[in-house]
Protein backbone atom coordinates (compact mmCIF):
# COMPACT_ATOMS: atom_id res chain seq x y z
CA UNK A 1 146.20 65.18 132.46
CA UNK A 2 143.68 65.09 129.68
CA UNK A 3 144.19 61.91 127.71
CA UNK A 4 141.36 60.63 125.57
CA UNK A 5 140.49 56.99 124.88
CA UNK A 6 142.37 56.90 121.58
CA UNK A 7 145.55 58.33 123.07
CA UNK A 8 145.24 55.99 126.06
CA UNK A 9 145.18 52.99 123.74
CA UNK A 10 148.23 54.27 121.83
CA UNK A 11 150.13 54.65 125.11
CA UNK A 12 148.95 51.19 126.25
CA UNK A 13 147.63 52.46 129.59
CA UNK A 14 144.77 50.62 131.32
CA UNK A 15 141.48 52.48 131.57
CA UNK A 16 141.31 51.96 135.31
CA UNK A 17 144.85 53.28 135.81
CA UNK A 18 144.10 56.44 133.85
CA UNK A 19 140.80 56.96 135.70
CA UNK A 20 142.48 56.52 139.09
CA UNK A 21 145.30 58.96 138.28
CA UNK A 22 142.90 61.60 136.90
CA UNK A 23 140.69 61.27 139.99
CA UNK A 24 143.63 61.78 142.33
CA UNK A 25 144.82 64.84 140.38
CA UNK A 26 141.36 66.42 140.52
CA UNK A 27 141.24 65.87 144.28
CA UNK A 28 144.63 67.57 144.63
CA UNK A 29 146.26 64.49 146.09
CA UNK A 30 149.65 63.09 145.22
CA UNK A 31 149.72 60.22 142.80
CA UNK A 32 151.80 57.07 142.72
CA UNK A 33 152.79 55.85 139.33
CA UNK A 34 154.89 52.92 138.22
CA UNK A 35 157.99 53.76 136.22
CA UNK A 36 156.63 51.84 133.24
CA UNK A 37 153.47 53.98 133.13
CA UNK A 38 155.38 57.19 133.79
CA UNK A 39 157.71 56.44 130.88
CA UNK A 40 154.79 56.02 128.53
CA UNK A 41 153.25 59.37 129.46
CA UNK A 42 156.45 61.40 129.33
């Protein structure tokens, strides 16, 4: 999940949300994501 600041703004994802999800992925943990956010990434 490598999304830069420009792409994040285009997808309208909060900085803290993106940081939290990336942190969880790096730790190898499962992530919880709202359907609205998931729809924007997919």
